[in-house]
Amino acid sequence: MGHDLSQTRGRKLPSIPAASRRGTRHVKTLERASAGLGIPVAYVNLPGSVCGGSLGGRIEVDPAMRGISRARVLAHELGHELLHQEARRKAATLKRPPKPRSAAVEETEADATAFVVLSALGLEAPSPTYIAWQGGTGAQVLLSMGRIQRAARRILAAAEKASPGAVRGS
């Protein structure tokens, strides 16, 4: 005897946001912001399920990413560029090793930055789901909040400069 969801009682099950191909003008906003920050964006076919990458002064995005999903990838990779790649470049010029961060911490910081940026642009971001999937925690977000805020502020300032009126409340 089968049961379906309509036969259950209790709280509604949470939904996990699916990737959205719905269009948004903010892809261009984030591309212009990236250019304003001196970080070129290239659209290249990436291996497997990789959607984008931060390469230390350049961002690559799979051209199959469209609409809001592309905006999410751009915001996330910009977060990596400002939070991690820039720190590595600075440490290299000072000839000292960068402060080591785990992959979970780096993904948490980049996606929390993307969450702030996308929210300010009026877009949804499934960051809590992604952060948990990558092994990040709310505690880590709190520990990194200053860094996240500074990176998001730089991205949003570049976005507003590139596309006046794009950022809500500015």
C-alpha atoms as a PDB file:
ATOM      1  CA  MET A   1       0.000   0.000   0.000  1.00  0.00           C
ATOM      2  CA  GLY A   2       1.550   3.279  -1.139  1.00  0.00           C
ATOM      3  CA  HIS A   3       1.344   6.658   0.516  1.00  0.00           C
ATOM      4  CA  ASP A   4       1.920  10.056  -0.945  1.00  0.00           C
ATOM      5  CA  LEU A   5       2.873  13.362   0.628  1.00  0.00           C
ATOM      6  CA  SER A   6      -0.755  14.519   0.850  1.00  0.00           C
ATOM      7  CA  GLN A   7      -1.423  11.700   3.313  1.00  0.00           C
ATOM      8  CA  THR A   8       1.156  12.906   5.832  1.00  0.00           C
ATOM      9  CA  ARG A   9       0.606  15.176   8.812  1.00  0.00           C
ATOM     10  CA  GLY A  10       2.833  17.713  10.473  1.00  0.00           C
ATOM     11  CA  ARG A  11       5.001  20.542   9.285  1.00  0.00           C
ATOM     12  CA  LYS A  12       5.578  21.119   5.591  1.00  0.00           C
ATOM     13  CA  LEU A  13       8.787  19.634   4.285  1.00  0.00           C
ATOM     14  CA  PRO A  14      11.404  22.219   3.377  1.00  0.00           C
ATOM     15  CA  SER A  15      12.236  22.581  -0.273  1.00  0.00           C
ATOM     16  CA  ILE A  16      15.750  22.782  -1.624  1.00  0.00           C
ATOM     17  CA  PRO A  17      16.084  25.577  -4.178  1.00  0.00           C
ATOM     18  CA  ALA A  18      16.806  24.228  -7.629  1.00  0.00           C
ATOM     19  CA  ALA A  19      19.174  25.894 -10.040  1.00  0.00           C
ATOM     20  CA  SER A  20      17.317  28.584 -11.897  1.00  0.00           C
ATOM     21  CA  ARG A  21      17.695  29.371 -15.557  1.00  0.00           C
ATOM     22  CA  ARG A  22      15.327  32.347 -15.193  1.00  0.00           C
ATOM     23  CA  GLY A  23      16.997  35.407 -16.638  1.00  0.00           C
ATOM     24  CA  THR A  24      18.347  38.342 -14.687  1.00  0.00           C
ATOM     25  CA  ARG A  25      19.958  41.625 -15.627  1.00  0.00           C
ATOM     26  CA  HIS A  26      22.386  41.114 -12.768  1.00  0.00           C
ATOM     27  CA  VAL A  27      24.616  38.748 -14.742  1.00  0.00           C
ATOM     28  CA  LYS A  28      25.763  41.827 -16.675  1.00  0.00           C
ATOM     29  CA  THR A  29      25.957  43.798 -13.407  1.00  0.00           C
ATOM     30  CA  LEU A  30      28.306  41.204 -11.898  1.00  0.00           C
ATOM     31  CA  GLU A  31      30.358  40.881 -15.098  1.00  0.00           C
ATOM     32  CA  ARG A  32      30.859  44.671 -15.107  1.00  0.00           C
ATOM     33  CA  ALA A  33      31.646  44.663 -11.375  1.00  0.00           C
ATOM     34  CA  SER A  34      34.251  41.970 -11.948  1.00  0.00           C
ATOM     35  CA  ALA A  35      35.826  43.997 -14.752  1.00  0.00           C
ATOM     36  CA  GLY A  36      35.797  47.065 -12.493  1.00  0.00           C
ATOM     37  CA  LEU A  37      37.705  45.060  -9.883  1.00  0.00           C
ATOM     38  CA  GLY A  38      40.259  44.049 -12.531  1.00  0.00           C
ATOM     39  CA  ILE A  39      39.100  40.431 -12.633  1.00  0.00           C
ATOM     40  CA  PRO A  40      38.267  39.209 -16.148  1.00  0.00           C
ATOM     41  CA  VAL A  41      35.503  36.630 -16.637  1.00  0.00           C
ATOM     42  CA  ALA A  42      35.878  33.904 -19.260  1.00  0.00           C
ATOM     43  CA  TYR A  43      33.197  31.468 -20.365  1.00  0.00           C
ATOM     44  CA  VAL A  44      34.775  28.075 -20.962  1.00  0.00           C
ATOM     45  CA  ASN A  45      33.556  24.490 -20.893  1.00  0.00           C
ATOM     46  CA  LEU A  46      34.533  23.112 -17.513  1.00  0.00           C
ATOM     47  CA  PRO A  47      34.968  19.445 -16.602  1.00  0.00           C
ATOM     48  CA  GLY A  48      32.251  17.362 -14.965  1.00  0.00           C
ATOM     49  CA  SER A  49      29.822  19.252 -12.775  1.00  0.00           C
ATOM     50  CA  VAL A  50      32.140  22.227 -12.191  1.00  0.00           C
ATOM     51  CA  CYS A  51      30.189  25.473 -12.667  1.00  0.00           C
ATOM     52  CA  GLY A  52      32.963  27.999 -12.164  1.00  0.00           C
ATOM     53  CA  GLY A  53      36.422  28.621 -10.847  1.00  0.00           C
ATOM     54  CA  SER A  54      38.567  31.323  -9.307  1.00  0.00           C
ATOM     55  CA  LEU A  55      42.027  31.220 -10.847  1.00  0.00           C
ATOM     56  CA  GLY A  56      43.826  34.031  -9.074  1.00  0.00           C
ATOM     57  CA  GLY A  57      43.039  37.119 -11.109  1.00  0.00           C
ATOM     58  CA  ARG A  58      40.552  35.492 -13.479  1.00  0.00           C
ATOM     59  CA  ILE A  59      37.179  33.792 -13.158  1.00  0.00           C
ATOM     60  CA  GLU A  60      35.991  30.985 -15.406  1.00  0.00           C
ATOM     61  CA  VAL A  61      32.299  30.131 -15.724  1.00  0.00           C
ATOM     62  CA  ASP A  62      30.776  27.251 -17.637  1.00  0.00           C
ATOM     63  CA  PRO A  63      28.691  28.727 -20.484  1.00  0.00           C
ATOM     64  CA  ALA A  64      25.935  26.191 -19.710  1.00  0.00           C
ATOM     65  CA  MET A  65      25.162  28.235 -16.589  1.00  0.00           C
ATOM     66  CA  ARG A  66      22.320  30.626 -17.365  1.00  0.00           C
ATOM     67  CA  GLY A  67      20.267  33.306 -15.653  1.00  0.00           C
ATOM     68  CA  ILE A  68      20.237  33.421 -11.878  1.00  0.00           C
ATOM     69  CA  SER A  69      22.485  30.350 -11.684  1.00  0.00           C
ATOM     70  CA  ARG A  70      25.156  32.232 -13.650  1.00  0.00           C
ATOM     71  CA  ALA A  71      24.784  35.255 -11.341  1.00  0.00           C
ATOM     72  CA  ARG A  72      25.236  32.945  -8.328  1.00  0.00           C
ATOM     73  CA  VAL A  73      28.410  31.451  -9.782  1.00  0.00           C
ATOM     74  CA  LEU A  74      29.814  34.903 -10.603  1.00  0.00           C
ATOM     75  CA  ALA A  75      29.115  36.230  -7.087  1.00  0.00           C
ATOM     76  CA  HIS A  76      30.614  33.101  -5.482  1.00  0.00           C
ATOM     77  CA  GLU A  77      33.787  33.188  -7.590  1.00  0.00           C
ATOM     78  CA  LEU A  78      34.186  36.939  -7.008  1.00  0.00           C
ATOM     79  CA  GLY A  79      34.041  36.090  -3.310  1.00  0.00           C
ATOM     80  CA  HIS A  80      36.888  33.606  -3.774  1.00  0.00           C
ATOM     81  CA  GLU A  81      38.914  36.160  -5.726  1.00  0.00           C
ATOM     82  CA  LEU A  82      38.617  38.859  -3.077  1.00  0.00           C
ATOM     83  CA  LEU A  83      38.835  36.607  -0.015  1.00  0.00           C
ATOM     84  CA  HIS A  84      41.385  33.984  -1.009  1.00  0.00           C
ATOM     85  CA  GLN A  85      43.196  34.606  -4.285  1.00  0.00           C
ATOM     86  CA  GLU A  86      43.989  38.228  -3.439  1.00  0.00           C
ATOM     87  CA  ALA A  87      45.337  37.134  -0.041  1.00  0.00           C
ATOM     88  CA  ARG A  88      47.548  34.513  -1.740  1.00  0.00           C
ATOM     89  CA  ARG A  89      48.933  37.105  -4.186  1.00  0.00           C
ATOM     90  CA  LYS A  90      49.668  39.576  -1.369  1.00  0.00           C
ATOM     91  CA  ALA A  91      51.381  36.877   0.702  1.00  0.00           C
ATOM     92  CA  ALA A  92      53.507  35.875  -2.296  1.00  0.00           C
ATOM     93  CA  THR A  93      54.728  39.443  -2.853  1.00  0.00           C
ATOM     94  CA  LEU A  94      55.581  39.692   0.846  1.00  0.00           C
ATOM     95  CA  LYS A  95      57.300  36.300   0.569  1.00  0.00           C
ATOM     96  CA  ARG A  96      55.380  34.783   3.440  1.00  0.00           C
ATOM     97  CA  PRO A  97      52.908  31.932   3.314  1.00  0.00           C
ATOM     98  CA  PRO A  98      49.221  32.863   3.426  1.00  0.00           C
ATOM     99  CA  LYS A  99      47.236  31.968   6.509  1.00  0.00           C
ATOM    100  CA  PRO A 100      45.992  28.441   5.762  1.00  0.00           C
ATOM    101  CA  ARG A 101      42.224  27.975   5.461  1.00  0.00           C
ATOM    102  CA  SER A 102      40.436  24.707   4.922  1.00  0.00           C
ATOM    103  CA  ALA A 103      38.351  24.110   1.814  1.00  0.00           C
ATOM    104  CA  ALA A 104      35.225  24.189   4.003  1.00  0.00           C
ATOM    105  CA  VAL A 105      36.188  27.609   5.382  1.00  0.00           C
ATOM    106  CA  GLU A 106      36.975  28.991   1.912  1.00  0.00           C
ATOM    107  CA  GLU A 107      33.681  27.709   0.468  1.00  0.00           C
ATOM    108  CA  THR A 108      31.758  29.020   3.477  1.00  0.00           C
ATOM    109  CA  GLU A 109      33.295  32.479   3.137  1.00  0.00           C
ATOM    110  CA  ALA A 110      32.810  32.656  -0.641  1.00  0.00           C
ATOM    111  CA  ASP A 111      29.205  31.524  -0.523  1.00  0.00           C
ATOM    112  CA  ALA A 112      28.308  33.734   2.424  1.00  0.00           C
ATOM    113  CA  THR A 113      29.757  36.643   0.430  1.00  0.00           C
ATOM    114  CA  ALA A 114      27.667  35.586  -2.581  1.00  0.00           C
ATOM    115  CA  PHE A 115      24.586  35.455  -0.332  1.00  0.00           C
ATOM    116  CA  VAL A 116      25.097  39.058   0.805  1.00  0.00           C
ATOM    117  CA  VAL A 117      25.778  40.284  -2.744  1.00  0.00           C
ATOM    118  CA  LEU A 118      22.842  38.449  -4.315  1.00  0.00           C
ATOM    119  CA  SER A 119      20.486  39.559  -1.542  1.00  0.00           C
ATOM    120  CA  ALA A 120      21.490  43.188  -2.123  1.00  0.00           C
ATOM    121  CA  LEU A 121      20.745  42.684  -5.834  1.00  0.00           C
ATOM    122  CA  GLY A 122      17.341  41.207  -4.998  1.00  0.00           C
ATOM    123  CA  LEU A 123      18.209  37.630  -5.978  1.00  0.00           C
ATOM    124  CA  GLU A 124      17.770  34.422  -3.996  1.00  0.00           C
ATOM    125  CA  ALA A 125      20.814  32.442  -2.964  1.00  0.00           C
ATOM    126  CA  PRO A 126      20.715  28.867  -1.629  1.00  0.00           C
ATOM    127  CA  SER A 127      23.806  29.553   0.469  1.00  0.00           C
ATOM    128  CA  PRO A 128      22.805  27.784   3.710  1.00  0.00           C
ATOM    129  CA  THR A 129      22.285  24.552   1.760  1.00  0.00           C
ATOM    130  CA  TYR A 130      25.570  24.907  -0.141  1.00  0.00           C
ATOM    131  CA  ILE A 131      27.552  25.895   2.950  1.00  0.00           C
ATOM    132  CA  ALA A 132      26.262  22.866   4.886  1.00  0.00           C
ATOM    133  CA  TRP A 133      26.999  20.593   1.916  1.00  0.00           C
ATOM    134  CA  GLN A 134      30.597  21.863   1.839  1.00  0.00           C
ATOM    135  CA  GLY A 135      31.051  21.247   5.581  1.00  0.00           C
ATOM    136  CA  GLY A 136      30.694  24.861   6.680  1.00  0.00           C
ATOM    137  CA  THR A 137      28.786  26.024   9.730  1.00  0.00           C
ATOM    138  CA  GLY A 138      26.964  29.062  11.029  1.00  0.00           C
ATOM    139  CA  ALA A 139      29.733  29.448  13.578  1.00  0.00           C
ATOM    140  CA  GLN A 140      32.259  29.709  10.750  1.00  0.00           C
ATOM    141  CA  VAL A 141      30.154  32.386   9.049  1.00  0.00           C
ATOM    142  CA  LEU A 142      30.196  34.374  12.305  1.00  0.00           C
ATOM    143  CA  LEU A 143      33.967  33.960  12.683  1.00  0.00           C
ATOM    144  CA  SER A 144      34.501  35.200   9.122  1.00  0.00           C
ATOM    145  CA  MET A 145      31.810  37.900   9.137  1.00  0.00           C
ATOM    146  CA  GLY A 146      34.219  40.843   8.946  1.00  0.00           C
ATOM    147  CA  ARG A 147      36.020  39.372   5.941  1.00  0.00           C
ATOM    148  CA  ILE A 148      32.701  38.453   4.292  1.00  0.00           C
ATOM    149  CA  GLN A 149      31.325  41.969   4.802  1.00  0.00           C
ATOM    150  CA  ARG A 150      34.440  43.634   3.387  1.00  0.00           C
ATOM    151  CA  ALA A 151      34.432  41.426   0.281  1.00  0.00           C
ATOM    152  CA  ALA A 152      30.690  41.894  -0.274  1.00  0.00           C
ATOM    153  CA  ARG A 153      31.039  45.661   0.173  1.00  0.00           C
ATOM    154  CA  ARG A 154      33.772  45.797  -2.510  1.00  0.00           C
ATOM    155  CA  ILE A 155      31.708  43.733  -4.953  1.00  0.00           C
ATOM    156  CA  LEU A 156      28.573  45.799  -4.326  1.00  0.00           C
ATOM    157  CA  ALA A 157      30.457  49.086  -4.701  1.00  0.00           C
ATOM    158  CA  ALA A 158      31.825  47.880  -8.049  1.00  0.00           C
ATOM    159  CA  ALA A 159      28.341  46.679  -9.049  1.00  0.00           C
ATOM    160  CA  GLU A 160      26.762  50.029  -8.185  1.00  0.00           C
ATOM    161  CA  LYS A 161      29.498  51.909 -10.044  1.00  0.00           C
ATOM    162  CA  ALA A 162      29.084  49.650 -13.099  1.00  0.00           C
ATOM    163  CA  SER A 163      25.259  49.633 -13.044  1.00  0.00           C
ATOM    164  CA  PRO A 164      23.869  52.564 -11.035  1.00  0.00           C
ATOM    165  CA  GLY A 165      20.689  51.608  -9.198  1.00  0.00           C
ATOM    166  CA  ALA A 166      21.453  47.869  -9.313  1.00  0.00           C
ATOM    167  CA  VAL A 167      22.037  47.563  -5.576  1.00  0.00           C
ATOM    168  CA  ARG A 168      18.915  47.738  -3.418  1.00  0.00           C
ATOM    169  CA  GLY A 169      18.900  50.556  -0.905  1.00  0.00           C
ATOM    170  CA  SER A 170      21.832  52.395  -2.448  1.00  0.00           C
END
